[in-house]
């Protein structure tokens, strides 16, 4: 993957190349997601994945305040009910000091369309629960790093059940993380 034309001062990207594809940005876009990839899996519920993002820090903002802001955003994310932190600790990768947070999210069932009464039946009441699909918890590990005016986040996700299987793979990838510019 080649990223050219970007400087930390103006946070603009002009050219992004990855393998056999590329594109040019004119600088008006807010380019946050750097990379998303999926891990091969037999999990029928949720395909394990990793997403790396980059955000401009608010001034003044520390790693601690950035992490706290992310916790607030996650806890208020639409589509998720329960948010439970499982692990939090400082982390060092190469020359970068960071923070690791592992948590579980329980997705909310999708909104159901209004129910209509079948011919000859009483209409459903508010006491009639809508049909629901079982939603299984997701476990995520987020690693946060700050370099200069930018914060980098690595988010690894898998179903709660399969996360222990993929966690060593996710950890190896995190340990290889570098900011090269």
C-alpha atoms as a PDB file:
ATOM      1  CA  UNK A   1       0.000   0.000   0.000  1.00  0.00           C
ATOM      2  CA  UNK A   2       1.445   3.335  -0.989  1.00  0.00           C
ATOM      3  CA  UNK A   3       0.221   6.604   0.453  1.00  0.00           C
ATOM      4  CA  UNK A   4       1.656   9.732  -1.152  1.00  0.00           C
ATOM      5  CA  UNK A   5       0.937  13.428  -0.968  1.00  0.00           C
ATOM      6  CA  UNK A   6      -0.098  13.366   2.677  1.00  0.00           C
ATOM      7  CA  UNK A   7       1.430  15.526   5.382  1.00  0.00           C
ATOM      8  CA  UNK A   8       0.634  15.567   9.081  1.00  0.00           C
ATOM      9  CA  UNK A   9       0.178  19.349   8.969  1.00  0.00           C
ATOM     10  CA  UNK A  10      -2.758  19.431   6.572  1.00  0.00           C
ATOM     11  CA  UNK A  11      -4.002  15.795   6.926  1.00  0.00           C
ATOM     12  CA  UNK A  12      -4.732  15.563   3.181  1.00  0.00           C
ATOM     13  CA  UNK A  13      -4.147  12.608   0.910  1.00  0.00           C
ATOM     14  CA  UNK A  14      -3.680  13.141  -2.777  1.00  0.00           C
ATOM     15  CA  UNK A  15      -2.962   9.581  -3.944  1.00  0.00           C
ATOM     16  CA  UNK A  16      -3.824   6.231  -2.384  1.00  0.00           C
ATOM     17  CA  UNK A  17      -2.611   2.976  -3.966  1.00  0.00           C
ATOM     18  CA  UNK A  18      -3.214  -0.537  -2.745  1.00  0.00           C
ATOM     19  CA  UNK A  19      -2.140  -3.519  -4.810  1.00  0.00           C
ATOM     20  CA  UNK A  20      -3.652  -3.125  -8.279  1.00  0.00           C
ATOM     21  CA  UNK A  21      -5.991  -0.221  -7.444  1.00  0.00           C
ATOM     22  CA  UNK A  22      -5.497   3.471  -6.758  1.00  0.00           C
ATOM     23  CA  UNK A  23      -7.381   6.727  -6.475  1.00  0.00           C
ATOM     24  CA  UNK A  24      -6.706  10.427  -6.167  1.00  0.00           C
ATOM     25  CA  UNK A  25      -8.334  12.640  -3.561  1.00  0.00           C
ATOM     26  CA  UNK A  26      -8.582  16.399  -4.032  1.00  0.00           C
ATOM     27  CA  UNK A  27      -8.079  17.302  -0.382  1.00  0.00           C
ATOM     28  CA  UNK A  28     -11.704  18.178   0.407  1.00  0.00           C
ATOM     29  CA  UNK A  29     -12.474  14.672   1.673  1.00  0.00           C
ATOM     30  CA  UNK A  30     -12.132  13.639   5.288  1.00  0.00           C
ATOM     31  CA  UNK A  31     -10.020  10.524   4.890  1.00  0.00           C
ATOM     32  CA  UNK A  32     -10.201   8.485   8.093  1.00  0.00           C
ATOM     33  CA  UNK A  33     -10.263   4.801   7.267  1.00  0.00           C
ATOM     34  CA  UNK A  34      -6.888   3.644   6.146  1.00  0.00           C
ATOM     35  CA  UNK A  35      -7.394  -0.101   5.865  1.00  0.00           C
ATOM     36  CA  UNK A  36     -10.094  -2.719   6.409  1.00  0.00           C
ATOM     37  CA  UNK A  37      -9.543  -6.428   6.001  1.00  0.00           C
ATOM     38  CA  UNK A  38     -11.293  -9.656   6.862  1.00  0.00           C
ATOM     39  CA  UNK A  39      -9.823 -12.793   8.387  1.00  0.00           C
ATOM     40  CA  UNK A  40     -10.716 -16.158   6.799  1.00  0.00           C
ATOM     41  CA  UNK A  41     -13.323 -17.776   9.021  1.00  0.00           C
ATOM     42  CA  UNK A  42     -15.832 -20.576   9.318  1.00  0.00           C
ATOM     43  CA  UNK A  43     -17.885 -18.472  11.751  1.00  0.00           C
ATOM     44  CA  UNK A  44     -21.415 -18.379  10.284  1.00  0.00           C
ATOM     45  CA  UNK A  45     -22.479 -15.434  12.464  1.00  0.00           C
ATOM     46  CA  UNK A  46     -19.792 -12.780  12.105  1.00  0.00           C
ATOM     47  CA  UNK A  47     -16.745 -12.513   9.879  1.00  0.00           C
ATOM     48  CA  UNK A  48     -13.692 -11.464  11.929  1.00  0.00           C
ATOM     49  CA  UNK A  49     -12.143  -8.228  10.693  1.00  0.00           C
ATOM     50  CA  UNK A  50      -9.738  -5.405  11.441  1.00  0.00           C
ATOM     51  CA  UNK A  51     -10.115  -1.720  10.671  1.00  0.00           C
ATOM     52  CA  UNK A  52      -7.392   0.899  11.020  1.00  0.00           C
ATOM     53  CA  UNK A  53      -8.465   4.534  11.208  1.00  0.00           C
ATOM     54  CA  UNK A  54      -6.731   7.856  11.604  1.00  0.00           C
ATOM     55  CA  UNK A  55      -8.294  10.901  13.285  1.00  0.00           C
ATOM     56  CA  UNK A  56      -7.190  14.480  13.750  1.00  0.00           C
ATOM     57  CA  UNK A  57      -6.807  15.175  17.464  1.00  0.00           C
ATOM     58  CA  UNK A  58      -8.700  17.970  19.137  1.00  0.00           C
ATOM     59  CA  UNK A  59      -6.430  20.563  20.668  1.00  0.00           C
ATOM     60  CA  UNK A  60      -5.341  19.969  23.379  1.00  0.00           C
ATOM     61  CA  UNK A  61      -5.966  16.226  23.505  1.00  0.00           C
ATOM     62  CA  UNK A  62      -3.954  13.462  25.128  1.00  0.00           C
ATOM     63  CA  UNK A  63      -4.091   9.722  24.585  1.00  0.00           C
ATOM     64  CA  UNK A  64      -6.194   9.433  27.755  1.00  0.00           C
ATOM     65  CA  UNK A  65      -8.742  12.052  26.678  1.00  0.00           C
ATOM     66  CA  UNK A  66      -8.931  10.554  23.165  1.00  0.00           C
ATOM     67  CA  UNK A  67      -9.604   7.075  24.627  1.00  0.00           C
ATOM     68  CA  UNK A  68     -12.280   8.486  26.942  1.00  0.00           C
ATOM     69  CA  UNK A  69     -13.948  10.217  23.987  1.00  0.00           C
ATOM     70  CA  UNK A  70     -13.921   6.925  22.050  1.00  0.00           C
ATOM     71  CA  UNK A  71     -15.545   5.102  24.993  1.00  0.00           C
ATOM     72  CA  UNK A  72     -18.359   7.663  24.995  1.00  0.00           C
ATOM     73  CA  UNK A  73     -18.862   7.275  21.241  1.00  0.00           C
ATOM     74  CA  UNK A  74     -18.932   3.471  21.473  1.00  0.00           C
ATOM     75  CA  UNK A  75     -21.337   3.434  24.421  1.00  0.00           C
ATOM     76  CA  UNK A  76     -23.776   5.627  22.452  1.00  0.00           C
ATOM     77  CA  UNK A  77     -23.429   3.828  19.113  1.00  0.00           C
ATOM     78  CA  UNK A  78     -26.797   3.272  17.464  1.00  0.00           C
ATOM     79  CA  UNK A  79     -27.599  -0.366  16.871  1.00  0.00           C
ATOM     80  CA  UNK A  80     -25.930  -1.621  20.042  1.00  0.00           C
ATOM     81  CA  UNK A  81     -27.387  -2.144  23.486  1.00  0.00           C
ATOM     82  CA  UNK A  82     -24.973  -3.435  26.092  1.00  0.00           C
ATOM     83  CA  UNK A  83     -21.359  -2.156  26.125  1.00  0.00           C
ATOM     84  CA  UNK A  84     -19.084  -3.911  28.639  1.00  0.00           C
ATOM     85  CA  UNK A  85     -15.354  -3.258  28.998  1.00  0.00           C
ATOM     86  CA  UNK A  86     -13.453  -6.500  29.599  1.00  0.00           C
ATOM     87  CA  UNK A  87      -9.838  -5.260  29.689  1.00  0.00           C
ATOM     88  CA  UNK A  88      -7.959  -1.942  29.638  1.00  0.00           C
ATOM     89  CA  UNK A  89      -4.219  -1.409  29.797  1.00  0.00           C
ATOM     90  CA  UNK A  90      -1.347   0.707  28.450  1.00  0.00           C
ATOM     91  CA  UNK A  91       0.495  -0.851  25.526  1.00  0.00           C
ATOM     92  CA  UNK A  92       3.818  -0.267  23.769  1.00  0.00           C
ATOM     93  CA  UNK A  93       4.348  -1.224  20.119  1.00  0.00           C
ATOM     94  CA  UNK A  94       7.772  -0.340  18.751  1.00  0.00           C
ATOM     95  CA  UNK A  95       8.356   3.300  19.632  1.00  0.00           C
ATOM     96  CA  UNK A  96       4.630   4.040  20.031  1.00  0.00           C
ATOM     97  CA  UNK A  97       2.941   4.233  23.425  1.00  0.00           C
ATOM     98  CA  UNK A  98      -0.681   3.253  23.211  1.00  0.00           C
ATOM     99  CA  UNK A  99      -3.712   1.975  25.021  1.00  0.00           C
ATOM    100  CA  UNK A 100      -5.590  -1.311  24.626  1.00  0.00           C
ATOM    101  CA  UNK A 101      -9.282  -1.746  25.349  1.00  0.00           C
ATOM    102  CA  UNK A 102     -11.234  -4.989  24.907  1.00  0.00           C
ATOM    103  CA  UNK A 103     -15.013  -4.891  25.172  1.00  0.00           C
ATOM    104  CA  UNK A 104     -18.238  -6.666  24.290  1.00  0.00           C
ATOM    105  CA  UNK A 105     -21.114  -5.144  22.351  1.00  0.00           C
ATOM    106  CA  UNK A 106     -24.568  -6.629  22.075  1.00  0.00           C
ATOM    107  CA  UNK A 107     -26.279  -5.671  18.818  1.00  0.00           C
ATOM    108  CA  UNK A 108     -29.894  -4.609  19.017  1.00  0.00           C
ATOM    109  CA  UNK A 109     -32.322  -6.547  16.834  1.00  0.00           C
ATOM    110  CA  UNK A 110     -33.201  -4.805  13.574  1.00  0.00           C
ATOM    111  CA  UNK A 111     -36.256  -2.577  13.667  1.00  0.00           C
ATOM    112  CA  UNK A 112     -39.378  -4.493  12.735  1.00  0.00           C
ATOM    113  CA  UNK A 113     -41.956  -3.110  10.318  1.00  0.00           C
ATOM    114  CA  UNK A 114     -45.366  -2.361  11.857  1.00  0.00           C
ATOM    115  CA  UNK A 115     -47.472  -5.472  12.249  1.00  0.00           C
ATOM    116  CA  UNK A 116     -50.799  -5.676  10.487  1.00  0.00           C
ATOM    117  CA  UNK A 117     -53.696  -7.800  11.519  1.00  0.00           C
ATOM    118  CA  UNK A 118     -54.486 -10.768   9.340  1.00  0.00           C
ATOM    119  CA  UNK A 119     -58.018 -10.901   7.957  1.00  0.00           C
ATOM    120  CA  UNK A 120     -60.449 -11.713  10.748  1.00  0.00           C
ATOM    121  CA  UNK A 121     -57.902 -11.206  13.576  1.00  0.00           C
ATOM    122  CA  UNK A 122     -57.556  -8.434  16.137  1.00  0.00           C
ATOM    123  CA  UNK A 123     -54.774  -5.952  15.406  1.00  0.00           C
ATOM    124  CA  UNK A 124     -51.607  -6.392  17.471  1.00  0.00           C
ATOM    125  CA  UNK A 125     -51.384  -4.234  20.588  1.00  0.00           C
ATOM    126  CA  UNK A 126     -48.386  -2.496  22.089  1.00  0.00           C
ATOM    127  CA  UNK A 127     -48.177  -5.475  24.483  1.00  0.00           C
ATOM    128  CA  UNK A 128     -47.558  -7.776  21.514  1.00  0.00           C
ATOM    129  CA  UNK A 129     -43.789  -8.202  21.269  1.00  0.00           C
ATOM    130  CA  UNK A 130     -42.404  -7.897  17.760  1.00  0.00           C
ATOM    131  CA  UNK A 131     -40.649 -10.949  16.339  1.00  0.00           C
ATOM    132  CA  UNK A 132     -36.934 -10.805  17.108  1.00  0.00           C
ATOM    133  CA  UNK A 133     -33.873 -12.464  15.735  1.00  0.00           C
ATOM    134  CA  UNK A 134     -31.293 -13.595  18.279  1.00  0.00           C
ATOM    135  CA  UNK A 135     -28.415 -11.138  18.277  1.00  0.00           C
ATOM    136  CA  UNK A 136     -25.107 -12.543  19.494  1.00  0.00           C
ATOM    137  CA  UNK A 137     -22.509 -10.377  21.232  1.00  0.00           C
ATOM    138  CA  UNK A 138     -19.462  -9.098  19.392  1.00  0.00           C
ATOM    139  CA  UNK A 139     -16.080  -8.709  21.055  1.00  0.00           C
ATOM    140  CA  UNK A 140     -13.765  -5.936  19.923  1.00  0.00           C
ATOM    141  CA  UNK A 141     -10.198  -5.050  20.786  1.00  0.00           C
ATOM    142  CA  UNK A 142      -9.222  -1.448  20.143  1.00  0.00           C
ATOM    143  CA  UNK A 143      -5.684  -0.169  20.239  1.00  0.00           C
ATOM    144  CA  UNK A 144      -5.107   3.590  20.221  1.00  0.00           C
ATOM    145  CA  UNK A 145      -1.852   5.392  19.388  1.00  0.00           C
ATOM    146  CA  UNK A 146      -1.051   9.079  19.074  1.00  0.00           C
ATOM    147  CA  UNK A 147       1.708  10.498  16.925  1.00  0.00           C
ATOM    148  CA  UNK A 148       1.852  14.243  16.420  1.00  0.00           C
ATOM    149  CA  UNK A 149      -1.589  15.700  15.741  1.00  0.00           C
ATOM    150  CA  UNK A 150      -3.042  12.313  14.731  1.00  0.00           C
ATOM    151  CA  UNK A 151      -4.629   9.409  16.591  1.00  0.00           C
ATOM    152  CA  UNK A 152      -4.521   5.928  15.064  1.00  0.00           C
ATOM    153  CA  UNK A 153      -7.063   3.279  16.067  1.00  0.00           C
ATOM    154  CA  UNK A 154      -6.849  -0.417  15.292  1.00  0.00           C
ATOM    155  CA  UNK A 155     -10.135  -2.237  15.856  1.00  0.00           C
ATOM    156  CA  UNK A 156     -10.241  -6.030  15.721  1.00  0.00           C
ATOM    157  CA  UNK A 157     -13.701  -7.630  15.801  1.00  0.00           C
ATOM    158  CA  UNK A 158     -15.071 -11.154  16.028  1.00  0.00           C
ATOM    159  CA  UNK A 159     -18.087 -12.842  17.551  1.00  0.00           C
ATOM    160  CA  UNK A 160     -17.838 -13.252  21.320  1.00  0.00           C
ATOM    161  CA  UNK A 161     -17.573 -17.033  20.850  1.00  0.00           C
ATOM    162  CA  UNK A 162     -14.771 -16.958  18.283  1.00  0.00           C
ATOM    163  CA  UNK A 163     -12.744 -13.999  19.603  1.00  0.00           C
ATOM    164  CA  UNK A 164     -10.337 -16.167  21.671  1.00  0.00           C
ATOM    165  CA  UNK A 165      -9.480 -18.117  18.513  1.00  0.00           C
ATOM    166  CA  UNK A 166      -8.613 -14.943  16.560  1.00  0.00           C
ATOM    167  CA  UNK A 167      -7.091 -12.873  19.341  1.00  0.00           C
ATOM    168  CA  UNK A 168      -3.492 -14.172  18.899  1.00  0.00           C
ATOM    169  CA  UNK A 169      -3.716 -13.372  15.155  1.00  0.00           C
ATOM    170  CA  UNK A 170      -5.022  -9.868  15.912  1.00  0.00           C
ATOM    171  CA  UNK A 171      -2.262  -9.316  18.506  1.00  0.00           C
ATOM    172  CA  UNK A 172       0.483 -10.282  16.012  1.00  0.00           C
ATOM    173  CA  UNK A 173      -0.859  -7.779  13.501  1.00  0.00           C
ATOM    174  CA  UNK A 174      -1.042  -5.033  16.143  1.00  0.00           C
ATOM    175  CA  UNK A 175       2.580  -5.695  17.156  1.00  0.00           C
ATOM    176  CA  UNK A 176       3.652  -5.042  13.555  1.00  0.00           C
ATOM    177  CA  UNK A 177       1.965  -1.610  13.386  1.00  0.00           C
ATOM    178  CA  UNK A 178       4.214   1.310  12.348  1.00  0.00           C
ATOM    179  CA  UNK A 179       3.653   4.901  11.359  1.00  0.00           C
ATOM    180  CA  UNK A 180       6.172   5.510   8.594  1.00  0.00           C
ATOM    181  CA  UNK A 181       5.712   9.192   7.819  1.00  0.00           C
END
